[in-house]
Amino acid sequence: MISVAEARRSTIQRRPPDRVYASEVVIRPTVPPLDAQIRELWQYRHLFVALVWRNVRVEFDAMRLGSAWATARPLLFAIVFSLFRNFSGADTRVELPYMLYVYSGLLLWTYFTDVTTNAAGAARLDVALLTKVYYPRLLTPCVPMVAGLLTIVVGMLPLIPMLAWYGVHPGWMIILLPFVLIPCIMLALGLGMLISSLSIEDRDWERVLGYGITVGLWLSPVIYAPDMIPHAIRPAYQLNPMVGPLLGFRAALFDGLPFPLWEWLYGLATSAVVLALGIWVFRRTELRLVDSL
């Protein structure tokens, strides 16, 4: 006689293999919480400093002229725009000496352009490091943001003889200069991370970014004052989040210019939204970042 327990054991042993292996376990990486990722970023701060220093050395030490190239582009463009403005007699509605106005605008716009472009392509540039060593992927687009600040510092040097030549001096708002740059930094980093995430699957987004930055130069108060814009379309013109930072940058550098509080606050709010969106998209893309590069 076979007991009931033995009968059950024999039934289990005779179960068809397809029923035993019918279930499937899929292991996927998860996106860590933001607070955990911030703590992880702090743990890798020494690597971040090393990567920033690497970018600075590539930018300056690898060339004989060094820091001269940091001022060459905005300075040459400022000279060209000044010459054309003098030859044409165009009224750009600029109250400052035009050379000061256009150079300061090009200096900030050059930083915005470089940080956005470099942050968008940072993952492809560091692909060799990303595929061999683990570190928080958010560090990659943040490196150009910090390294590019040195370009602004070096670019300020030609302003010293310009201010002396034209008899213009900074006012007390010069202390607001670091805060004025915040919307520009946030917008450049947010756009860079957003385009970096989108271009992993479709590199056409890098071309879109390049064309957008070129068009944005003419839609921003870089080489002309906003007073040139007709009053009917000026509210639409001020939807550009770079209007406030550019005007605030000049107000902090040159005495006598009013600070564009509402334009700057709008630029800050818009840049914060773009940065949050860029971080959100990038954090979900980094799970397949290495496999897609």
C-alpha atoms as a PDB file:
ATOM      1  CA  MET A   1       0.000   0.000   0.000  1.00  0.00           C
ATOM      2  CA  ILE A   2       1.229   3.514  -0.888  1.00  0.00           C
ATOM      3  CA  SER A   3       0.619   6.217   1.664  1.00  0.00           C
ATOM      4  CA  VAL A   4      -1.019   9.515   0.795  1.00  0.00           C
ATOM      5  CA  ALA A   5       2.238  11.451   1.389  1.00  0.00           C
ATOM      6  CA  GLU A   6       4.177   9.179  -0.978  1.00  0.00           C
ATOM      7  CA  ALA A   7       1.470   9.594  -3.617  1.00  0.00           C
ATOM      8  CA  ARG A   8       1.732  13.369  -3.393  1.00  0.00           C
ATOM      9  CA  ARG A   9       5.531  13.272  -3.666  1.00  0.00           C
ATOM     10  CA  SER A  10       5.350  11.077  -6.731  1.00  0.00           C
ATOM     11  CA  THR A  11       2.833  13.451  -8.313  1.00  0.00           C
ATOM     12  CA  ILE A  12       5.107  16.411  -7.717  1.00  0.00           C
ATOM     13  CA  GLN A  13       8.117  14.564  -9.141  1.00  0.00           C
ATOM     14  CA  ARG A  14       6.143  13.607 -12.266  1.00  0.00           C
ATOM     15  CA  ARG A  15       5.018  17.219 -12.913  1.00  0.00           C
ATOM     16  CA  PRO A  16       5.829  18.181 -16.493  1.00  0.00           C
ATOM     17  CA  PRO A  17       8.926  20.353 -16.848  1.00  0.00           C
ATOM     18  CA  ASP A  18       7.003  23.043 -18.748  1.00  0.00           C
ATOM     19  CA  ARG A  19       4.947  23.814 -15.649  1.00  0.00           C
ATOM     20  CA  VAL A  20       8.012  24.080 -13.440  1.00  0.00           C
ATOM     21  CA  TYR A  21       9.774  26.571 -15.713  1.00  0.00           C
ATOM     22  CA  ALA A  22       6.732  28.511 -16.871  1.00  0.00           C
ATOM     23  CA  SER A  23       7.561  31.625 -14.776  1.00  0.00           C
ATOM     24  CA  GLU A  24      10.244  34.110 -15.832  1.00  0.00           C
ATOM     25  CA  VAL A  25      12.170  36.589 -13.684  1.00  0.00           C
ATOM     26  CA  VAL A  26      13.385  39.774 -15.374  1.00  0.00           C
ATOM     27  CA  ILE A  27      15.951  41.934 -13.568  1.00  0.00           C
ATOM     28  CA  ARG A  28      15.984  45.574 -14.557  1.00  0.00           C
ATOM     29  CA  PRO A  29      17.884  48.538 -13.061  1.00  0.00           C
ATOM     30  CA  THR A  30      15.827  51.067 -11.159  1.00  0.00           C
ATOM     31  CA  VAL A  31      16.232  54.798 -10.953  1.00  0.00           C
ATOM     32  CA  PRO A  32      17.509  55.662  -7.458  1.00  0.00           C
ATOM     33  CA  PRO A  33      15.683  58.363  -5.492  1.00  0.00           C
ATOM     34  CA  LEU A  34      16.919  61.889  -6.043  1.00  0.00           C
ATOM     35  CA  ASP A  35      18.129  62.308  -2.469  1.00  0.00           C
ATOM     36  CA  ALA A  36      20.164  59.116  -2.731  1.00  0.00           C
ATOM     37  CA  GLN A  37      21.679  60.305  -5.986  1.00  0.00           C
ATOM     38  CA  ILE A  38      22.592  63.671  -4.464  1.00  0.00           C
ATOM     39  CA  ARG A  39      24.436  61.869  -1.665  1.00  0.00           C
ATOM     40  CA  GLU A  40      26.186  59.771  -4.279  1.00  0.00           C
ATOM     41  CA  LEU A  41      27.222  62.900  -6.175  1.00  0.00           C
ATOM     42  CA  TRP A  42      28.783  64.248  -2.996  1.00  0.00           C
ATOM     43  CA  GLN A  43      30.700  60.991  -2.497  1.00  0.00           C
ATOM     44  CA  TYR A  44      32.222  61.360  -5.971  1.00  0.00           C
ATOM     45  CA  ARG A  45      33.100  65.058  -5.564  1.00  0.00           C
ATOM     46  CA  HIS A  46      36.822  64.355  -5.912  1.00  0.00           C
ATOM     47  CA  LEU A  47      36.289  62.696  -9.277  1.00  0.00           C
ATOM     48  CA  PHE A  48      34.152  65.661 -10.317  1.00  0.00           C
ATOM     49  CA  VAL A  49      36.967  68.088  -9.444  1.00  0.00           C
ATOM     50  CA  ALA A  50      39.421  65.950 -11.417  1.00  0.00           C
ATOM     51  CA  LEU A  51      37.144  65.936 -14.479  1.00  0.00           C
ATOM     52  CA  VAL A  52      36.670  69.711 -14.286  1.00  0.00           C
ATOM     53  CA  TRP A  53      40.416  70.200 -14.011  1.00  0.00           C
ATOM     54  CA  ARG A  54      40.897  67.919 -17.018  1.00  0.00           C
ATOM     55  CA  ASN A  55      38.554  70.078 -19.110  1.00  0.00           C
ATOM     56  CA  VAL A  56      40.319  73.250 -18.002  1.00  0.00           C
ATOM     57  CA  ARG A  57      43.716  71.842 -18.928  1.00  0.00           C
ATOM     58  CA  VAL A  58      42.466  70.697 -22.327  1.00  0.00           C
ATOM     59  CA  GLU A  59      41.023  74.166 -22.939  1.00  0.00           C
ATOM     60  CA  PHE A  60      44.054  76.189 -21.881  1.00  0.00           C
ATOM     61  CA  ASP A  61      47.219  74.151 -21.356  1.00  0.00           C
ATOM     62  CA  ALA A  62      47.124  72.355 -24.701  1.00  0.00           C
ATOM     63  CA  MET A  63      47.434  75.629 -26.660  1.00  0.00           C
ATOM     64  CA  ARG A  64      50.340  78.057 -26.746  1.00  0.00           C
ATOM     65  CA  LEU A  65      48.113  81.110 -26.639  1.00  0.00           C
ATOM     66  CA  GLY A  66      46.260  79.589 -23.714  1.00  0.00           C
ATOM     67  CA  SER A  67      43.698  81.901 -22.184  1.00  0.00           C
ATOM     68  CA  ALA A  68      43.801  84.267 -25.183  1.00  0.00           C
ATOM     69  CA  TRP A  69      41.401  81.947 -26.995  1.00  0.00           C
ATOM     70  CA  ALA A  70      38.822  82.428 -24.240  1.00  0.00           C
ATOM     71  CA  THR A  71      38.528  86.096 -25.198  1.00  0.00           C
ATOM     72  CA  ALA A  72      39.247  85.832 -28.918  1.00  0.00           C
ATOM     73  CA  ARG A  73      35.791  84.773 -30.073  1.00  0.00           C
ATOM     74  CA  PRO A  74      33.629  87.349 -28.236  1.00  0.00           C
ATOM     75  CA  LEU A  75      36.221  90.059 -28.851  1.00  0.00           C
ATOM     76  CA  LEU A  76      36.461  89.439 -32.598  1.00  0.00           C
ATOM     77  CA  PHE A  77      32.684  89.267 -32.984  1.00  0.00           C
ATOM     78  CA  ALA A  78      32.313  92.453 -30.949  1.00  0.00           C
ATOM     79  CA  ILE A  79      34.788  94.267 -33.218  1.00  0.00           C
ATOM     80  CA  VAL A  80      32.994  93.051 -36.351  1.00  0.00           C
ATOM     81  CA  PHE A  81      29.541  94.060 -35.057  1.00  0.00           C
ATOM     82  CA  SER A  82      30.875  97.440 -33.935  1.00  0.00           C
ATOM     83  CA  LEU A  83      32.384  98.121 -37.352  1.00  0.00           C
ATOM     84  CA  PHE A  84      29.193  97.212 -39.186  1.00  0.00           C
ATOM     85  CA  ARG A  85      27.139  99.317 -36.808  1.00  0.00           C
ATOM     86  CA  ASN A  86      29.408 102.324 -37.372  1.00  0.00           C
ATOM     87  CA  PHE A  87      29.431 101.865 -41.150  1.00  0.00           C
ATOM     88  CA  SER A  88      25.683 101.405 -41.414  1.00  0.00           C
ATOM     89  CA  GLY A  89      24.692 103.984 -38.813  1.00  0.00           C
ATOM     90  CA  ALA A  90      22.091 101.587 -37.396  1.00  0.00           C
ATOM     91  CA  ASP A  91      20.293 102.723 -34.270  1.00  0.00           C
ATOM     92  CA  THR A  92      20.518  99.803 -31.866  1.00  0.00           C
ATOM     93  CA  ARG A  93      18.970 101.838 -29.002  1.00  0.00           C
ATOM     94  CA  VAL A  94      22.004 101.116 -26.818  1.00  0.00           C
ATOM     95  CA  GLU A  95      22.750 103.657 -24.090  1.00  0.00           C
ATOM     96  CA  LEU A  96      26.209 102.303 -23.280  1.00  0.00           C
ATOM     97  CA  PRO A  97      29.222 102.524 -25.592  1.00  0.00           C
ATOM     98  CA  TYR A  98      28.352  99.895 -28.157  1.00  0.00           C
ATOM     99  CA  MET A  99      31.626  98.000 -27.810  1.00  0.00           C
ATOM    100  CA  LEU A 100      30.985  97.453 -24.102  1.00  0.00           C
ATOM    101  CA  TYR A 101      27.384  96.445 -24.721  1.00  0.00           C
ATOM    102  CA  VAL A 102      28.036  93.914 -27.453  1.00  0.00           C
ATOM    103  CA  TYR A 103      31.161  92.415 -25.867  1.00  0.00           C
ATOM    104  CA  SER A 104      29.445  91.792 -22.534  1.00  0.00           C
ATOM    105  CA  GLY A 105      26.479  90.209 -24.291  1.00  0.00           C
ATOM    106  CA  LEU A 106      28.677  87.997 -26.443  1.00  0.00           C
ATOM    107  CA  LEU A 107      30.706  86.957 -23.407  1.00  0.00           C
ATOM    108  CA  LEU A 108      27.642  85.575 -21.624  1.00  0.00           C
ATOM    109  CA  TRP A 109      26.162  84.138 -24.814  1.00  0.00           C
ATOM    110  CA  THR A 110      29.440  82.340 -25.572  1.00  0.00           C
ATOM    111  CA  TYR A 111      29.331  80.715 -22.153  1.00  0.00           C
ATOM    112  CA  PHE A 112      25.713  79.678 -22.663  1.00  0.00           C
ATOM    113  CA  THR A 113      26.495  78.244 -26.102  1.00  0.00           C
ATOM    114  CA  ASP A 114      29.585  76.332 -24.998  1.00  0.00           C
ATOM    115  CA  VAL A 115      28.005  74.853 -21.877  1.00  0.00           C
ATOM    116  CA  THR A 116      24.837  73.759 -23.693  1.00  0.00           C
ATOM    117  CA  THR A 117      26.753  72.204 -26.581  1.00  0.00           C
ATOM    118  CA  ASN A 118      29.399  70.531 -24.417  1.00  0.00           C
ATOM    119  CA  ALA A 119      26.854  69.206 -21.924  1.00  0.00           C
ATOM    120  CA  ALA A 120      24.824  67.740 -24.794  1.00  0.00           C
ATOM    121  CA  GLY A 121      27.878  65.914 -26.151  1.00  0.00           C
ATOM    122  CA  ALA A 122      29.609  65.105 -22.854  1.00  0.00           C
ATOM    123  CA  ALA A 123      28.320  61.527 -22.731  1.00  0.00           C
ATOM    124  CA  ARG A 124      29.772  60.712 -26.147  1.00  0.00           C
ATOM    125  CA  LEU A 125      33.042  62.435 -25.247  1.00  0.00           C
ATOM    126  CA  ASP A 126      33.434  60.413 -22.034  1.00  0.00           C
ATOM    127  CA  VAL A 127      32.212  57.126 -23.498  1.00  0.00           C
ATOM    128  CA  ALA A 128      35.542  55.418 -22.744  1.00  0.00           C
ATOM    129  CA  LEU A 129      35.257  56.351 -19.079  1.00  0.00           C
ATOM    130  CA  LEU A 130      31.547  55.606 -18.812  1.00  0.00           C
ATOM    131  CA  THR A 131      31.956  52.066 -20.125  1.00  0.00           C
ATOM    132  CA  LYS A 132      34.833  51.161 -17.779  1.00  0.00           C
ATOM    133  CA  VAL A 133      34.241  52.926 -14.467  1.00  0.00           C
ATOM    134  CA  TYR A 134      31.058  53.488 -12.533  1.00  0.00           C
ATOM    135  CA  TYR A 135      30.271  56.964 -11.232  1.00  0.00           C
ATOM    136  CA  PRO A 136      27.071  59.035 -11.113  1.00  0.00           C
ATOM    137  CA  ARG A 137      26.192  59.849 -14.717  1.00  0.00           C
ATOM    138  CA  LEU A 138      24.900  63.273 -13.723  1.00  0.00           C
ATOM    139  CA  LEU A 139      28.503  64.347 -13.195  1.00  0.00           C
ATOM    140  CA  THR A 140      29.181  64.135 -16.926  1.00  0.00           C
ATOM    141  CA  PRO A 141      27.030  67.076 -18.137  1.00  0.00           C
ATOM    142  CA  CYS A 142      27.832  69.110 -15.004  1.00  0.00           C
ATOM    143  CA  VAL A 143      31.562  69.201 -15.770  1.00  0.00           C
ATOM    144  CA  PRO A 144      31.340  71.706 -18.698  1.00  0.00           C
ATOM    145  CA  MET A 145      29.039  73.902 -16.620  1.00  0.00           C
ATOM    146  CA  VAL A 146      31.697  74.452 -13.946  1.00  0.00           C
ATOM    147  CA  ALA A 147      34.712  74.418 -16.263  1.00  0.00           C
ATOM    148  CA  GLY A 148      33.111  77.068 -18.474  1.00  0.00           C
ATOM    149  CA  LEU A 149      32.928  79.555 -15.599  1.00  0.00           C
ATOM    150  CA  LEU A 150      36.667  80.062 -15.978  1.00  0.00           C
ATOM    151  CA  THR A 151      36.006  81.313 -19.506  1.00  0.00           C
ATOM    152  CA  ILE A 152      33.801  84.075 -18.112  1.00  0.00           C
ATOM    153  CA  VAL A 153      36.446  85.013 -15.543  1.00  0.00           C
ATOM    154  CA  VAL A 154      39.156  85.196 -18.203  1.00  0.00           C
ATOM    155  CA  GLY A 155      36.780  86.999 -20.567  1.00  0.00           C
ATOM    156  CA  MET A 156      36.324  89.743 -17.975  1.00  0.00           C
ATOM    157  CA  LEU A 157      39.969  90.820 -18.370  1.00  0.00           C
ATOM    158  CA  PRO A 158      39.468  92.791 -21.643  1.00  0.00           C
ATOM    159  CA  LEU A 159      36.629  94.672 -19.939  1.00  0.00           C
ATOM    160  CA  ILE A 160      39.095  96.391 -17.593  1.00  0.00           C
ATOM    161  CA  PRO A 161      40.849  98.475 -20.306  1.00  0.00           C
ATOM    162  CA  MET A 162      37.505  98.985 -22.082  1.00  0.00           C
ATOM    163  CA  LEU A 163      35.956 100.465 -18.940  1.00  0.00           C
ATOM    164  CA  ALA A 164      38.942 102.764 -18.499  1.00  0.00           C
ATOM    165  CA  TRP A 165      38.840 103.832 -22.171  1.00  0.00           C
ATOM    166  CA  TYR A 166      35.155 104.692 -22.208  1.00  0.00           C
ATOM    167  CA  GLY A 167      35.057 106.124 -18.676  1.00  0.00           C
ATOM    168  CA  VAL A 168      32.475 103.606 -17.428  1.00  0.00           C
ATOM    169  CA  HIS A 169      32.727 101.938 -14.039  1.00  0.00           C
ATOM    170  CA  PRO A 170      30.809  99.219 -12.167  1.00  0.00           C
ATOM    171  CA  GLY A 171      28.312 100.120  -9.480  1.00  0.00           C
ATOM    172  CA  TRP A 172      27.312  98.464  -6.239  1.00  0.00           C
ATOM    173  CA  MET A 173      25.335  95.835  -8.164  1.00  0.00           C
ATOM    174  CA  ILE A 174      28.606  94.168  -9.128  1.00  0.00           C
ATOM    175  CA  ILE A 175      28.123  92.072  -5.981  1.00  0.00           C
ATOM    176  CA  LEU A 176      25.016  90.569  -7.614  1.00  0.00           C
ATOM    177  CA  LEU A 177      27.034  89.165 -10.510  1.00  0.00           C
ATOM    178  CA  PRO A 178      27.192  85.537  -9.238  1.00  0.00           C
ATOM    179  CA  PHE A 179      23.417  85.523  -8.656  1.00  0.00           C
ATOM    180  CA  VAL A 180      22.710  87.067 -12.072  1.00  0.00           C
ATOM    181  CA  LEU A 181      24.441  84.117 -13.749  1.00  0.00           C
ATOM    182  CA  ILE A 182      22.243  81.492 -12.065  1.00  0.00           C
ATOM    183  CA  PRO A 183      19.403  81.431 -14.673  1.00  0.00           C
ATOM    184  CA  CYS A 184      21.897  81.193 -17.530  1.00  0.00           C
ATOM    185  CA  ILE A 185      23.740  78.313 -15.843  1.00  0.00           C
ATOM    186  CA  MET A 186      20.531  76.438 -15.065  1.00  0.00           C
ATOM    187  CA  LEU A 187      19.125  76.895 -18.572  1.00  0.00           C
ATOM    188  CA  ALA A 188      22.353  75.778 -20.267  1.00  0.00           C
ATOM    189  CA  LEU A 189      22.649  72.680 -18.080  1.00  0.00           C
ATOM    190  CA  GLY A 190      18.976  71.760 -18.460  1.00  0.00           C
ATOM    191  CA  LEU A 191      19.029  72.095 -22.238  1.00  0.00           C
ATOM    192  CA  GLY A 192      22.312  70.200 -22.438  1.00  0.00           C
ATOM    193  CA  MET A 193      20.997  67.233 -20.448  1.00  0.00           C
ATOM    194  CA  LEU A 194      17.733  67.210 -22.378  1.00  0.00           C
ATOM    195  CA  ILE A 195      19.459  67.165 -25.771  1.00  0.00           C
ATOM    196  CA  SER A 196      21.997  64.625 -24.502  1.00  0.00           C
ATOM    197  CA  SER A 197      19.175  62.252 -23.571  1.00  0.00           C
ATOM    198  CA  LEU A 198      17.259  62.742 -26.813  1.00  0.00           C
ATOM    199  CA  SER A 199      20.305  62.476 -29.068  1.00  0.00           C
ATOM    200  CA  ILE A 200      21.169  59.007 -27.778  1.00  0.00           C
ATOM    201  CA  GLU A 201      18.414  57.586 -29.973  1.00  0.00           C
ATOM    202  CA  ASP A 202      18.329  60.318 -32.616  1.00  0.00           C
ATOM    203  CA  ARG A 203      21.358  62.540 -33.270  1.00  0.00           C
ATOM    204  CA  ASP A 204      19.237  64.982 -35.251  1.00  0.00           C
ATOM    205  CA  TRP A 205      18.574  66.715 -31.946  1.00  0.00           C
ATOM    206  CA  GLU A 206      22.182  67.898 -31.878  1.00  0.00           C
ATOM    207  CA  ARG A 207      21.587  69.691 -35.186  1.00  0.00           C
ATOM    208  CA  VAL A 208      18.370  71.161 -33.801  1.00  0.00           C
ATOM    209  CA  LEU A 209      20.331  72.500 -30.826  1.00  0.00           C
ATOM    210  CA  GLY A 210      22.958  74.071 -33.076  1.00  0.00           C
ATOM    211  CA  TYR A 211      20.365  75.811 -35.241  1.00  0.00           C
ATOM    212  CA  GLY A 212      18.388  76.902 -32.191  1.00  0.00           C
ATOM    213  CA  ILE A 213      21.433  78.529 -30.585  1.00  0.00           C
ATOM    214  CA  THR A 214      22.248  80.356 -33.830  1.00  0.00           C
ATOM    215  CA  VAL A 215      18.699  81.688 -34.141  1.00  0.00           C
ATOM    216  CA  GLY A 216      18.625  82.492 -30.416  1.00  0.00           C
ATOM    217  CA  LEU A 217      21.549  84.894 -30.833  1.00  0.00           C
ATOM    218  CA  TRP A 218      19.364  87.143 -32.972  1.00  0.00           C
ATOM    219  CA  LEU A 219      16.315  86.715 -30.758  1.00  0.00           C
ATOM    220  CA  SER A 220      18.190  87.792 -27.615  1.00  0.00           C
ATOM    221  CA  PRO A 221      19.486  91.238 -26.586  1.00  0.00           C
ATOM    222  CA  VAL A 222      23.086  90.405 -27.407  1.00  0.00           C
ATOM    223  CA  ILE A 223      23.912  92.931 -30.124  1.00  0.00           C
ATOM    224  CA  TYR A 224      20.933  95.272 -29.767  1.00  0.00           C
ATOM    225  CA  ALA A 225      18.749  96.658 -26.992  1.00  0.00           C
ATOM    226  CA  PRO A 226      15.195  95.376 -26.422  1.00  0.00           C
ATOM    227  CA  ASP A 227      13.911  98.894 -27.190  1.00  0.00           C
ATOM    228  CA  MET A 228      14.366  98.039 -30.879  1.00  0.00           C
ATOM    229  CA  ILE A 229      11.533  95.516 -30.583  1.00  0.00           C
ATOM    230  CA  PRO A 230       8.068  97.010 -31.324  1.00  0.00           C
ATOM    231  CA  HIS A 231       5.846  97.363 -28.281  1.00  0.00           C
ATOM    232  CA  ALA A 232       3.185  95.141 -29.843  1.00  0.00           C
ATOM    233  CA  ILE A 233       5.409  92.066 -29.863  1.00  0.00           C
ATOM    234  CA  ARG A 234       7.670  92.906 -26.930  1.00  0.00           C
ATOM    235  CA  PRO A 235       5.741  90.665 -24.465  1.00  0.00           C
ATOM    236  CA  ALA A 236       6.304  87.728 -26.801  1.00  0.00           C
ATOM    237  CA  TYR A 237       9.950  88.707 -27.185  1.00  0.00           C
ATOM    238  CA  GLN A 238      10.433  88.693 -23.411  1.00  0.00           C
ATOM    239  CA  LEU A 239       9.316  85.063 -23.252  1.00  0.00           C
ATOM    240  CA  ASN A 240      12.904  84.298 -24.191  1.00  0.00           C
ATOM    241  CA  PRO A 241      14.441  83.180 -20.859  1.00  0.00           C
ATOM    242  CA  MET A 242      17.824  84.652 -21.799  1.00  0.00           C
ATOM    243  CA  VAL A 243      16.530  88.234 -21.923  1.00  0.00           C
ATOM    244  CA  GLY A 244      16.627  88.666 -18.148  1.00  0.00           C
ATOM    245  CA  PRO A 245      20.103  87.174 -17.586  1.00  0.00           C
ATOM    246  CA  LEU A 246      21.646  89.224 -20.400  1.00  0.00           C
ATOM    247  CA  LEU A 247      20.159  92.503 -19.199  1.00  0.00           C
ATOM    248  CA  GLY A 248      20.944  91.653 -15.574  1.00  0.00           C
ATOM    249  CA  PHE A 249      24.525  90.768 -16.490  1.00  0.00           C
ATOM    250  CA  ARG A 250      25.056  94.236 -17.938  1.00  0.00           C
ATOM    251  CA  ALA A 251      23.272  95.930 -15.031  1.00  0.00           C
ATOM    252  CA  ALA A 252      25.674  94.215 -12.642  1.00  0.00           C
ATOM    253  CA  LEU A 253      28.735  95.181 -14.691  1.00  0.00           C
ATOM    254  CA  PHE A 254      27.966  98.784 -15.616  1.00  0.00           C
ATOM    255  CA  ASP A 255      26.756 101.492 -13.287  1.00  0.00           C
ATOM    256  CA  GLY A 256      23.566 103.364 -14.124  1.00  0.00           C
ATOM    257  CA  LEU A 257      21.628 100.573 -15.781  1.00  0.00           C
ATOM    258  CA  PRO A 258      18.340  99.476 -14.153  1.00  0.00           C
ATOM    259  CA  PHE A 259      18.164  95.901 -12.992  1.00  0.00           C
ATOM    260  CA  PRO A 260      15.504  93.912 -14.932  1.00  0.00           C
ATOM    261  CA  LEU A 261      13.935  92.283 -11.873  1.00  0.00           C
ATOM    262  CA  TRP A 262      10.820  90.803 -13.481  1.00  0.00           C
ATOM    263  CA  GLU A 263      12.656  89.589 -16.586  1.00  0.00           C
ATOM    264  CA  TRP A 264      15.329  88.017 -14.400  1.00  0.00           C
ATOM    265  CA  LEU A 265      12.765  86.310 -12.155  1.00  0.00           C
ATOM    266  CA  TYR A 266      10.948  84.961 -15.211  1.00  0.00           C
ATOM    267  CA  GLY A 267      14.232  83.650 -16.597  1.00  0.00           C
ATOM    268  CA  LEU A 268      14.988  82.038 -13.237  1.00  0.00           C
ATOM    269  CA  ALA A 269      11.605  80.303 -13.086  1.00  0.00           C
ATOM    270  CA  THR A 270      11.760  79.117 -16.699  1.00  0.00           C
ATOM    271  CA  SER A 271      15.331  77.882 -16.305  1.00  0.00           C
ATOM    272  CA  ALA A 272      14.355  75.962 -13.169  1.00  0.00           C
ATOM    273  CA  VAL A 273      11.588  74.181 -15.102  1.00  0.00           C
ATOM    274  CA  VAL A 274      13.950  73.336 -17.974  1.00  0.00           C
ATOM    275  CA  LEU A 275      16.599  72.084 -15.536  1.00  0.00           C
ATOM    276  CA  ALA A 276      14.098  69.902 -13.675  1.00  0.00           C
ATOM    277  CA  LEU A 277      12.877  68.446 -16.978  1.00  0.00           C
ATOM    278  CA  GLY A 278      16.434  67.832 -18.154  1.00  0.00           C
ATOM    279  CA  ILE A 279      17.385  66.045 -14.929  1.00  0.00           C
ATOM    280  CA  TRP A 280      14.204  63.940 -15.026  1.00  0.00           C
ATOM    281  CA  VAL A 281      14.775  62.830 -18.622  1.00  0.00           C
ATOM    282  CA  PHE A 282      18.498  62.257 -18.133  1.00  0.00           C
ATOM    283  CA  ARG A 283      18.014  60.119 -15.008  1.00  0.00           C
ATOM    284  CA  ARG A 284      15.731  57.783 -16.957  1.00  0.00           C
ATOM    285  CA  THR A 285      17.994  57.667 -19.951  1.00  0.00           C
ATOM    286  CA  GLU A 286      21.161  56.895 -17.969  1.00  0.00           C
ATOM    287  CA  LEU A 287      19.914  53.338 -17.364  1.00  0.00           C
ATOM    288  CA  ARG A 288      20.590  52.502 -20.996  1.00  0.00           C
ATOM    289  CA  LEU A 289      23.236  55.166 -21.575  1.00  0.00           C
ATOM    290  CA  VAL A 290      26.237  52.859 -21.785  1.00  0.00           C
ATOM    291  CA  ASP A 291      24.490  50.333 -24.041  1.00  0.00           C
ATOM    292  CA  SER A 292      23.315  53.042 -26.448  1.00  0.00           C
ATOM    293  CA  LEU A 293      26.635  54.863 -26.874  1.00  0.00           C
END
